[in-house]
């Protein structure tokens, strides 16, 4: 199972590492991983732990205020 956010579904993205010098600038492939952290979510009176990205974690904290 791929690591993804349980709330928004954010997964790994692809990108490039740019070469800083040289005539033929070769782009090296890389993967940009989401910043996933555990988040305690109450569902039906039961506390469950889910992996959520920091953006969703921040939004959930705003809703609880």
Protein backbone atom coordinates (compact mmCIF):
# COMPACT_ATOMS: atom_id res chain seq x y z
CA UNK A 1 0.00 0.00 0.00
CA UNK A 2 1.37 3.40 -0.97
CA UNK A 3 1.79 6.02 1.73
CA UNK A 4 -1.00 8.52 1.25
CA UNK A 5 -3.05 10.93 3.32
CA UNK A 6 -6.19 9.33 4.75
CA UNK A 7 -8.15 12.60 4.44
CA UNK A 8 -7.22 14.23 1.10
CA UNK A 9 -5.49 11.29 -0.63
CA UNK A 10 -2.22 13.13 -1.31
CA UNK A 11 0.49 10.74 -2.57
CA UNK A 12 4.05 11.02 -3.83
CA UNK A 13 4.68 13.44 -6.70
CA UNK A 14 7.44 13.34 -9.27
CA UNK A 15 9.89 16.12 -9.95
CA UNK A 16 13.41 16.88 -11.08
CA UNK A 17 16.74 17.75 -9.50
CA UNK A 18 18.24 20.47 -11.69
CA UNK A 19 21.93 20.43 -12.50
CA UNK A 20 23.39 23.79 -11.52
CA UNK A 21 26.26 23.97 -14.01
CA UNK A 22 27.25 22.62 -17.38
CA UNK A 23 26.18 23.10 -20.96
CA UNK A 24 23.84 20.11 -21.18
CA UNK A 25 21.71 20.47 -18.08
CA UNK A 26 20.67 16.93 -17.23
CA UNK A 27 17.55 16.60 -15.11
CA UNK A 28 17.62 13.79 -12.57
CA UNK A 29 14.27 12.31 -11.57
CA UNK A 30 13.21 12.40 -7.94
CA UNK A 31 10.11 11.68 -5.85
CA UNK A 32 8.55 14.33 -3.60
CA UNK A 33 6.98 12.57 -0.63
CA UNK A 34 4.11 14.10 1.37
CA UNK A 35 4.80 15.02 5.00
CA UNK A 36 2.59 12.41 6.70
CA UNK A 37 2.05 12.36 10.46
CA UNK A 38 -0.26 10.40 12.73
CA UNK A 39 -3.53 12.09 13.64
CA UNK A 40 -6.06 10.91 16.21
CA UNK A 41 -9.56 11.12 14.67
CA UNK A 42 -12.84 10.47 16.50
CA UNK A 43 -15.20 8.41 14.33
CA UNK A 44 -18.45 7.23 15.89
CA UNK A 45 -17.15 7.76 19.41
CA UNK A 46 -14.04 5.66 18.77
CA UNK A 47 -10.59 7.24 18.54
CA UNK A 48 -8.59 5.93 15.57
CA UNK A 49 -5.13 6.89 14.40
CA UNK A 50 -4.65 7.78 10.73
CA UNK A 51 -1.82 9.08 8.58
CA UNK A 52 -2.60 12.62 7.49
CA UNK A 53 -0.55 15.26 5.69
CA UNK A 54 0.40 18.34 7.69
CA UNK A 55 -2.03 20.53 5.72
CA UNK A 56 -4.99 18.31 6.73
CA UNK A 57 -3.69 18.06 10.30
CA UNK A 58 -3.60 21.86 10.51
CA UNK A 59 -7.13 22.15 9.06
CA UNK A 60 -8.49 19.60 11.56
CA UNK A 61 -6.93 21.58 14.43
CA UNK A 62 -8.68 24.74 13.17
CA UNK A 63 -12.08 22.98 13.07
CA UNK A 64 -11.75 21.77 16.67
CA UNK A 65 -11.37 25.32 18.05
